[in-house]
Amino acid sequence: MKEILDILRQELILCTRIRDISQQQRDVLAETLNGKAVSTITQQINELLTQLGKLEQRKQKLLAQNGEKTLKGLLLRQPFSAEKTLTGQLLTKLSGIIKELQLTSMNSRALLQRNMQYVELNMNVMEQASEGNTYTSPGGAVSNKKKKKKMFDQSV
């Protein structure tokens, strides 16, 4: 039972940190298009997810040793005690944090998609800008060639 409590406490700490950092990432995505800040925050999240993955392996090993598929199932098999009650509370708290994390992740995904659409729009605008006939002499011949698309005039 002590190992279950230890795993849950560590998961709770990691998931809380991931949630907090994910909310920072969402805020950066909402406020600016600061790619460096988003990249730094994403790296922090990845490091925490790696730690969480190692903890998940430990949890799966414990569950396999006890012939259970979930911590809740393992918890139900334990005799009533203060530790069992605490473990149930930690599971409930962890579940709530995971739901918050899912919501934050969905919001971040939507903001990232919006930002990508903004970048794509700007790229399309730049690609569609065409070279004009600004520099032809009065009465000069107009070429029937297809105009090259340019955003910036190199002759200036």
N, C-alpha and C. Protein backbone atom coordinates (compact mmCIF):
# COMPACT_ATOMS: atom_id res chain seq x y z
N MET A 1 0.83 -1.20 0.00
CA MET A 1 0.00 0.00 0.00
C MET A 1 0.87 1.25 0.00
N LYS A 2 2.03 1.15 0.66
CA LYS A 2 2.92 2.31 0.71
C LYS A 2 3.45 2.65 -0.68
N GLU A 3 3.71 1.62 -1.47
CA GLU A 3 4.21 1.87 -2.82
C GLU A 3 3.15 2.53 -3.68
N ILE A 4 1.90 2.12 -3.51
CA ILE A 4 0.80 2.75 -4.25
C ILE A 4 0.72 4.24 -3.88
N LEU A 5 0.78 4.53 -2.60
CA LEU A 5 0.74 5.92 -2.14
C LEU A 5 1.92 6.72 -2.70
N ASP A 6 3.08 6.11 -2.69
CA ASP A 6 4.27 6.79 -3.21
C ASP A 6 4.09 7.11 -4.69
N ILE A 7 3.64 6.15 -5.46
CA ILE A 7 3.42 6.37 -6.90
C ILE A 7 2.38 7.46 -7.12
N LEU A 8 1.28 7.40 -6.41
CA LEU A 8 0.22 8.41 -6.58
C LEU A 8 0.70 9.81 -6.20
N ARG A 9 1.44 9.92 -5.13
CA ARG A 9 1.96 11.24 -4.73
C ARG A 9 2.88 11.81 -5.81
N GLN A 10 3.76 10.97 -6.33
CA GLN A 10 4.67 11.43 -7.38
C GLN A 10 3.90 11.80 -8.66
N GLU A 11 2.92 10.98 -9.02
CA GLU A 11 2.08 11.30 -10.19
C GLU A 11 1.36 12.63 -9.98
N LEU A 12 0.83 12.83 -8.80
CA LEU A 12 0.11 14.06 -8.48
C LEU A 12 1.03 15.27 -8.62
N ILE A 13 2.24 15.16 -8.11
CA ILE A 13 3.19 16.27 -8.21
C ILE A 13 3.54 16.55 -9.67
N LEU A 14 3.86 15.49 -10.43
CA LEU A 14 4.23 15.67 -11.83
C LEU A 14 3.07 16.22 -12.66
N CYS A 15 1.87 15.66 -12.46
CA CYS A 15 0.71 16.12 -13.23
C CYS A 15 0.36 17.57 -12.89
N THR A 16 0.52 17.95 -11.63
CA THR A 16 0.26 19.34 -11.23
C THR A 16 1.26 20.27 -11.92
N ARG A 17 2.52 19.88 -11.95
CA ARG A 17 3.53 20.70 -12.62
C ARG A 17 3.26 20.78 -14.12
N ILE A 18 2.90 19.65 -14.73
CA ILE A 18 2.59 19.65 -16.16
C ILE A 18 1.38 20.54 -16.44
N ARG A 19 0.37 20.47 -15.59
CA ARG A 19 -0.82 21.31 -15.77
C ARG A 19 -0.45 22.79 -15.69
N ASP A 20 0.34 23.16 -14.69
CA ASP A 20 0.73 24.56 -14.51
C ASP A 20 1.55 25.07 -15.69
N ILE A 21 2.51 24.26 -16.13
CA ILE A 21 3.34 24.68 -17.26
C ILE A 21 2.51 24.71 -18.55
N SER A 22 1.57 23.78 -18.70
CA SER A 22 0.70 23.78 -19.88
C SER A 22 -0.18 25.04 -19.91
N GLN A 23 -0.61 25.49 -18.75
CA GLN A 23 -1.38 26.73 -18.69
C GLN A 23 -0.52 27.92 -19.08
N GLN A 24 0.76 27.91 -18.70
CA GLN A 24 1.67 28.96 -19.13
C GLN A 24 1.82 28.93 -20.65
N GLN A 25 1.94 27.72 -21.20
CA GLN A 25 2.07 27.57 -22.64
C GLN A 25 0.82 28.11 -23.35
N ARG A 26 -0.35 27.78 -22.82
CA ARG A 26 -1.59 28.28 -23.40
C ARG A 26 -1.63 29.80 -23.37
N ASP A 27 -1.18 30.39 -22.26
CA ASP A 27 -1.18 31.85 -22.14
C ASP A 27 -0.23 32.49 -23.16
N VAL A 28 0.94 31.88 -23.36
CA VAL A 28 1.89 32.40 -24.35
C VAL A 28 1.30 32.30 -25.74
N LEU A 29 0.64 31.19 -26.04
CA LEU A 29 0.01 31.02 -27.35
C LEU A 29 -1.12 32.03 -27.56
N ALA A 30 -1.83 32.35 -26.50
CA ALA A 30 -2.95 33.29 -26.61
C ALA A 30 -2.48 34.73 -26.77
N GLU A 31 -1.36 35.07 -26.14
CA GLU A 31 -0.92 36.46 -26.12
C GLU A 31 0.00 36.82 -27.27
N THR A 32 0.92 35.95 -27.63
CA THR A 32 1.92 36.29 -28.64
C THR A 32 2.22 35.09 -29.52
N LEU A 33 2.97 35.36 -30.55
CA LEU A 33 3.47 34.27 -31.39
C LEU A 33 4.95 34.07 -31.09
N ASN A 34 5.29 33.95 -29.82
CA ASN A 34 6.68 33.84 -29.40
C ASN A 34 7.10 32.37 -29.47
N GLY A 35 7.67 31.99 -30.60
CA GLY A 35 8.04 30.60 -30.83
C GLY A 35 9.09 30.10 -29.86
N LYS A 36 10.02 30.95 -29.48
CA LYS A 36 11.10 30.52 -28.57
C LYS A 36 10.53 30.17 -27.20
N ALA A 37 9.61 31.01 -26.71
CA ALA A 37 9.00 30.75 -25.39
C ALA A 37 8.18 29.46 -25.43
N VAL A 38 7.43 29.26 -26.51
CA VAL A 38 6.62 28.04 -26.63
C VAL A 38 7.53 26.82 -26.69
N SER A 39 8.63 26.94 -27.42
CA SER A 39 9.58 25.82 -27.53
C SER A 39 10.21 25.49 -26.18
N THR A 40 10.57 26.49 -25.42
CA THR A 40 11.17 26.28 -24.09
C THR A 40 10.17 25.60 -23.16
N ILE A 41 8.94 26.07 -23.18
CA ILE A 41 7.89 25.48 -22.33
C ILE A 41 7.61 24.04 -22.75
N THR A 42 7.58 23.80 -24.05
CA THR A 42 7.34 22.45 -24.56
C THR A 42 8.45 21.50 -24.11
N GLN A 43 9.67 21.97 -24.11
CA GLN A 43 10.80 21.16 -23.63
C GLN A 43 10.62 20.79 -22.16
N GLN A 44 10.18 21.76 -21.35
CA GLN A 44 9.94 21.48 -19.93
C GLN A 44 8.86 20.42 -19.77
N ILE A 45 7.80 20.54 -20.56
CA ILE A 45 6.70 19.56 -20.49
C ILE A 45 7.21 18.18 -20.89
N ASN A 46 8.03 18.12 -21.95
CA ASN A 46 8.56 16.83 -22.39
C ASN A 46 9.41 16.16 -21.33
N GLU A 47 10.20 16.93 -20.61
CA GLU A 47 11.02 16.37 -19.53
C GLU A 47 10.13 15.78 -18.43
N LEU A 48 9.07 16.51 -18.08
CA LEU A 48 8.15 16.01 -17.05
C LEU A 48 7.40 14.77 -17.55
N LEU A 49 7.04 14.75 -18.82
CA LEU A 49 6.35 13.59 -19.38
C LEU A 49 7.25 12.36 -19.38
N THR A 50 8.54 12.56 -19.59
CA THR A 50 9.49 11.45 -19.52
C THR A 50 9.51 10.86 -18.10
N GLN A 51 9.54 11.73 -17.11
CA GLN A 51 9.51 11.27 -15.72
C GLN A 51 8.20 10.54 -15.42
N LEU A 52 7.11 11.09 -15.95
CA LEU A 52 5.80 10.47 -15.74
C LEU A 52 5.74 9.10 -16.41
N GLY A 53 6.39 8.97 -17.56
CA GLY A 53 6.44 7.68 -18.25
C GLY A 53 7.17 6.63 -17.43
N LYS A 54 8.27 7.02 -16.80
CA LYS A 54 9.02 6.09 -15.94
C LYS A 54 8.18 5.67 -14.75
N LEU A 55 7.43 6.62 -14.21
CA LEU A 55 6.56 6.33 -13.07
C LEU A 55 5.43 5.39 -13.51
N GLU A 56 4.93 5.60 -14.73
CA GLU A 56 3.86 4.74 -15.26
C GLU A 56 4.37 3.30 -15.42
N GLN A 57 5.61 3.13 -15.85
CA GLN A 57 6.18 1.78 -15.96
C GLN A 57 6.24 1.11 -14.59
N ARG A 58 6.64 1.88 -13.60
CA ARG A 58 6.70 1.35 -12.22
C ARG A 58 5.30 0.94 -11.76
N LYS A 59 4.31 1.78 -12.08
CA LYS A 59 2.94 1.49 -11.68
C LYS A 59 2.43 0.23 -12.39
N GLN A 60 2.73 0.09 -13.68
CA GLN A 60 2.27 -1.08 -14.43
C GLN A 60 2.91 -2.36 -13.91
N LYS A 61 4.16 -2.26 -13.50
CA LYS A 61 4.85 -3.42 -12.91
C LYS A 61 4.17 -3.84 -11.61
N LEU A 62 3.83 -2.86 -10.77
CA LEU A 62 3.13 -3.14 -9.51
C LEU A 62 1.76 -3.78 -9.78
N LEU A 63 1.04 -3.23 -10.75
CA LEU A 63 -0.28 -3.78 -11.08
C LEU A 63 -0.16 -5.21 -11.60
N ALA A 64 0.84 -5.46 -12.45
CA ALA A 64 1.04 -6.81 -12.99
C ALA A 64 1.36 -7.81 -11.88
N GLN A 65 2.16 -7.39 -10.91
CA GLN A 65 2.51 -8.26 -9.79
C GLN A 65 1.28 -8.62 -8.97
N ASN A 66 0.30 -7.72 -8.93
CA ASN A 66 -0.91 -7.96 -8.14
C ASN A 66 -2.08 -8.44 -8.98
N GLY A 67 -1.88 -8.65 -10.27
CA GLY A 67 -2.92 -9.18 -11.14
C GLY A 67 -4.07 -8.21 -11.36
N GLU A 68 -3.81 -6.95 -11.37
CA GLU A 68 -4.84 -5.92 -11.61
C GLU A 68 -4.48 -5.09 -12.82
N LYS A 69 -5.50 -4.44 -13.39
CA LYS A 69 -5.26 -3.57 -14.55
C LYS A 69 -5.26 -2.09 -14.18
N THR A 70 -5.91 -1.75 -13.08
CA THR A 70 -5.98 -0.35 -12.67
C THR A 70 -5.67 -0.21 -11.18
N LEU A 71 -5.25 1.00 -10.81
CA LEU A 71 -5.01 1.26 -9.38
C LEU A 71 -6.31 1.19 -8.60
N LYS A 72 -7.39 1.62 -9.23
CA LYS A 72 -8.68 1.57 -8.54
C LYS A 72 -9.06 0.13 -8.21
N GLY A 73 -8.82 -0.77 -9.14
CA GLY A 73 -9.09 -2.19 -8.89
C GLY A 73 -8.22 -2.74 -7.78
N LEU A 74 -6.97 -2.35 -7.78
CA LEU A 74 -6.06 -2.79 -6.73
C LEU A 74 -6.48 -2.21 -5.38
N LEU A 75 -6.90 -0.99 -5.39
CA LEU A 75 -7.34 -0.32 -4.16
C LEU A 75 -8.57 -1.01 -3.58
N LEU A 76 -9.49 -1.44 -4.43
CA LEU A 76 -10.71 -2.11 -3.95
C LEU A 76 -10.40 -3.43 -3.25
N ARG A 77 -9.31 -4.06 -3.61
CA ARG A 77 -8.92 -5.34 -2.99
C ARG A 77 -8.25 -5.16 -1.64
N GLN A 78 -7.84 -3.96 -1.31
CA GLN A 78 -7.13 -3.71 -0.06
C GLN A 78 -8.12 -3.62 1.11
N PRO A 79 -7.70 -4.04 2.30
CA PRO A 79 -8.58 -3.91 3.47
C PRO A 79 -8.71 -2.44 3.86
N PHE A 80 -9.81 -2.14 4.52
CA PHE A 80 -10.07 -0.75 4.92
C PHE A 80 -8.98 -0.27 5.87
N SER A 81 -8.47 0.95 5.57
CA SER A 81 -7.46 1.56 6.43
C SER A 81 -7.39 3.05 6.09
N ALA A 82 -6.65 3.79 6.89
CA ALA A 82 -6.46 5.22 6.64
C ALA A 82 -5.70 5.41 5.33
N GLU A 83 -4.75 4.51 5.06
CA GLU A 83 -3.98 4.60 3.82
C GLU A 83 -4.88 4.39 2.60
N LYS A 84 -5.85 3.45 2.72
CA LYS A 84 -6.77 3.19 1.61
C LYS A 84 -7.62 4.43 1.35
N THR A 85 -8.07 5.09 2.40
CA THR A 85 -8.87 6.31 2.26
C THR A 85 -8.04 7.41 1.60
N LEU A 86 -6.82 7.57 2.05
CA LEU A 86 -5.93 8.59 1.48
C LEU A 86 -5.64 8.29 0.01
N THR A 87 -5.43 7.03 -0.30
CA THR A 87 -5.17 6.63 -1.68
C THR A 87 -6.37 6.96 -2.56
N GLY A 88 -7.56 6.70 -2.07
CA GLY A 88 -8.77 7.04 -2.82
C GLY A 88 -8.89 8.53 -3.07
N GLN A 89 -8.55 9.33 -2.06
CA GLN A 89 -8.58 10.78 -2.21
C GLN A 89 -7.55 11.25 -3.23
N LEU A 90 -6.37 10.66 -3.19
CA LEU A 90 -5.33 11.03 -4.15
C LEU A 90 -5.74 10.66 -5.58
N LEU A 91 -6.37 9.50 -5.74
CA LEU A 91 -6.86 9.10 -7.06
C LEU A 91 -7.89 10.09 -7.59
N THR A 92 -8.79 10.52 -6.73
CA THR A 92 -9.82 11.49 -7.13
C THR A 92 -9.18 12.82 -7.52
N LYS A 93 -8.22 13.27 -6.72
CA LYS A 93 -7.53 14.52 -7.00
C LYS A 93 -6.76 14.42 -8.32
N LEU A 94 -6.08 13.31 -8.53
CA LEU A 94 -5.32 13.09 -9.75
C LEU A 94 -6.24 13.09 -10.97
N SER A 95 -7.38 12.48 -10.84
CA SER A 95 -8.35 12.45 -11.92
C SER A 95 -8.81 13.86 -12.29
N GLY A 96 -9.04 14.71 -11.29
CA GLY A 96 -9.44 16.09 -11.54
C GLY A 96 -8.35 16.88 -12.25
N ILE A 97 -7.11 16.68 -11.84
CA ILE A 97 -5.99 17.38 -12.47
C ILE A 97 -5.83 16.92 -13.92
N ILE A 98 -6.01 15.65 -14.18
CA ILE A 98 -5.90 15.13 -15.55
C ILE A 98 -6.99 15.73 -16.43
N LYS A 99 -8.20 15.89 -15.89
CA LYS A 99 -9.28 16.53 -16.66
C LYS A 99 -8.94 17.99 -16.98
N GLU A 100 -8.37 18.70 -16.00
CA GLU A 100 -7.94 20.09 -16.24
C GLU A 100 -6.86 20.13 -17.31
N LEU A 101 -5.95 19.18 -17.24
CA LEU A 101 -4.86 19.11 -18.21
C LEU A 101 -5.39 18.84 -19.62
N GLN A 102 -6.39 17.99 -19.72
CA GLN A 102 -6.99 17.71 -21.03
C GLN A 102 -7.66 18.97 -21.60
N LEU A 103 -8.35 19.71 -20.76
CA LEU A 103 -9.00 20.94 -21.20
C LEU A 103 -7.97 21.98 -21.65
N THR A 104 -6.92 22.13 -20.87
CA THR A 104 -5.85 23.06 -21.22
C THR A 104 -5.19 22.65 -22.53
N SER A 105 -4.99 21.37 -22.70
CA SER A 105 -4.39 20.85 -23.93
C SER A 105 -5.28 21.14 -25.14
N MET A 106 -6.58 20.95 -25.00
CA MET A 106 -7.51 21.25 -26.09
C MET A 106 -7.48 22.73 -26.44
N ASN A 107 -7.44 23.60 -25.43
CA ASN A 107 -7.37 25.04 -25.66
C ASN A 107 -6.07 25.42 -26.36
N SER A 108 -4.96 24.84 -25.92
CA SER A 108 -3.66 25.12 -26.54
C SER A 108 -3.65 24.66 -27.99
N ARG A 109 -4.23 23.49 -28.24
CA ARG A 109 -4.29 22.98 -29.61
C ARG A 109 -5.09 23.93 -30.50
N ALA A 110 -6.21 24.43 -30.00
CA ALA A 110 -7.02 25.37 -30.78
C ALA A 110 -6.25 26.67 -31.04
N LEU A 111 -5.55 27.17 -30.03
CA LEU A 111 -4.76 28.39 -30.21
C LEU A 111 -3.63 28.17 -31.20
N LEU A 112 -3.00 27.03 -31.12
CA LEU A 112 -1.91 26.72 -32.05
C LEU A 112 -2.43 26.63 -33.49
N GLN A 113 -3.58 26.01 -33.66
CA GLN A 113 -4.18 25.93 -35.00
C GLN A 113 -4.53 27.32 -35.52
N ARG A 114 -5.05 28.17 -34.64
CA ARG A 114 -5.37 29.55 -35.05
C ARG A 114 -4.10 30.29 -35.46
N ASN A 115 -3.04 30.13 -34.68
CA ASN A 115 -1.78 30.78 -35.03
C ASN A 115 -1.20 30.26 -36.33
N MET A 116 -1.32 28.95 -36.56
CA MET A 116 -0.84 28.37 -37.82
C MET A 116 -1.65 28.92 -39.01
N GLN A 117 -2.94 29.09 -38.83
CA GLN A 117 -3.77 29.66 -39.89
C GLN A 117 -3.35 31.10 -40.18
N TYR A 118 -3.00 31.84 -39.15
CA TYR A 118 -2.54 33.20 -39.32
C TYR A 118 -1.23 33.24 -40.12
N VAL A 119 -0.31 32.35 -39.78
CA VAL A 119 0.96 32.28 -40.50
C VAL A 119 0.71 31.88 -41.95
N GLU A 120 -0.14 30.88 -42.17
CA GLU A 120 -0.45 30.44 -43.53
C GLU A 120 -1.10 31.56 -44.34
N LEU A 121 -1.98 32.33 -43.72
CA LEU A 121 -2.60 33.46 -44.40
C LEU A 121 -1.55 34.47 -44.83
N ASN A 122 -0.63 34.80 -43.93
CA ASN A 122 0.43 35.75 -44.27
C ASN A 122 1.33 35.22 -45.38
N MET A 123 1.62 33.93 -45.33
CA MET A 123 2.44 33.33 -46.40
C MET A 123 1.70 33.41 -47.74
N ASN A 124 0.41 33.14 -47.72
CA ASN A 124 -0.37 33.22 -48.96
C ASN A 124 -0.41 34.65 -49.49
N VAL A 125 -0.54 35.62 -48.61
CA VAL A 125 -0.55 37.02 -49.03
C VAL A 125 0.78 37.35 -49.70
N MET A 126 1.88 36.91 -49.09
CA MET A 126 3.20 37.18 -49.68
C MET A 126 3.37 36.49 -51.03
N GLU A 127 2.86 35.28 -51.16
CA GLU A 127 2.98 34.55 -52.42
C GLU A 127 2.12 35.17 -53.52
N GLN A 128 1.00 35.76 -53.16
CA GLN A 128 0.08 36.31 -54.15
C GLN A 128 0.45 37.72 -54.59
N ALA A 129 1.33 38.38 -53.87
CA ALA A 129 1.74 39.74 -54.27
C ALA A 129 2.47 39.63 -55.60
N SER A 130 2.11 40.49 -56.55
CA SER A 130 2.73 40.37 -57.86
C SER A 130 3.51 41.62 -58.22
N GLU A 131 4.40 41.44 -59.14
CA GLU A 131 5.25 42.52 -59.62
C GLU A 131 4.40 43.38 -60.55
N GLY A 132 4.44 44.66 -60.36
CA GLY A 132 3.66 45.57 -61.20
C GLY A 132 4.49 46.14 -62.33
N ASN A 133 3.87 46.96 -63.17
CA ASN A 133 4.53 47.60 -64.30
C ASN A 133 4.97 49.01 -63.93
N THR A 134 5.37 49.22 -62.75
CA THR A 134 5.72 50.54 -62.25
C THR A 134 6.89 51.15 -62.99
N TYR A 135 7.83 50.35 -63.48
CA TYR A 135 9.07 50.87 -64.01
C TYR A 135 9.13 50.89 -65.54
N THR A 136 8.02 50.77 -66.25
CA THR A 136 8.06 50.86 -67.72
C THR A 136 8.04 52.32 -68.13
N SER A 137 8.69 52.60 -69.22
CA SER A 137 8.73 53.98 -69.71
C SER A 137 7.40 54.35 -70.34
N PRO A 138 7.03 55.65 -70.29
CA PRO A 138 5.77 56.05 -70.91
C PRO A 138 5.77 55.69 -72.39
N GLY A 139 4.71 55.05 -72.81
CA GLY A 139 4.59 54.64 -74.20
C GLY A 139 5.40 53.41 -74.52
N GLY A 140 6.05 52.84 -73.54
CA GLY A 140 6.88 51.65 -73.75
C GLY A 140 6.03 50.43 -74.00
N ALA A 141 6.65 49.41 -74.56
CA ALA A 141 5.94 48.17 -74.87
C ALA A 141 5.60 47.42 -73.59
N VAL A 142 4.38 46.91 -73.56
CA VAL A 142 3.94 46.09 -72.43
C VAL A 142 4.11 44.64 -72.81
N SER A 143 4.78 43.90 -71.97
CA SER A 143 5.06 42.50 -72.25
C SER A 143 3.83 41.65 -71.98
N ASN A 144 3.62 40.66 -72.82
CA ASN A 144 2.50 39.73 -72.63
C ASN A 144 2.93 38.51 -71.82
N LYS A 145 4.18 38.51 -71.35
CA LYS A 145 4.67 37.40 -70.53
C LYS A 145 3.90 37.35 -69.22
N LYS A 146 3.79 36.15 -68.72
CA LYS A 146 3.15 35.99 -67.41
C LYS A 146 4.04 36.66 -66.37
N LYS A 147 3.44 37.46 -65.53
CA LYS A 147 4.19 38.20 -64.52
C LYS A 147 4.69 37.25 -63.44
N LYS A 148 5.90 37.50 -62.99
CA LYS A 148 6.44 36.75 -61.85
C LYS A 148 5.83 37.31 -60.59
N LYS A 149 5.60 36.45 -59.65
CA LYS A 149 5.05 36.91 -58.38
C LYS A 149 6.19 37.27 -57.45
N LYS A 150 6.14 38.49 -56.94
CA LYS A 150 7.18 38.96 -56.03
C LYS A 150 6.54 39.75 -54.92
N MET A 151 7.07 39.61 -53.76
CA MET A 151 6.62 40.43 -52.64
C MET A 151 7.42 41.70 -52.56
N PHE A 152 8.70 41.62 -52.88
CA PHE A 152 9.59 42.76 -52.74
C PHE A 152 10.28 43.03 -54.07
N ASP A 153 10.44 44.28 -54.40
CA ASP A 153 11.09 44.66 -55.64
C ASP A 153 12.59 44.72 -55.38
N GLN A 154 13.36 44.01 -56.17
CA GLN A 154 14.79 43.95 -55.96
C GLN A 154 15.51 45.17 -56.52
N SER A 155 14.87 45.95 -57.39
CA SER A 155 15.54 47.06 -58.04
C SER A 155 15.60 48.32 -57.17
N VAL A 156 14.92 48.33 -56.07
CA VAL A 156 14.92 49.52 -55.21
C VAL A 156 16.17 49.60 -54.38
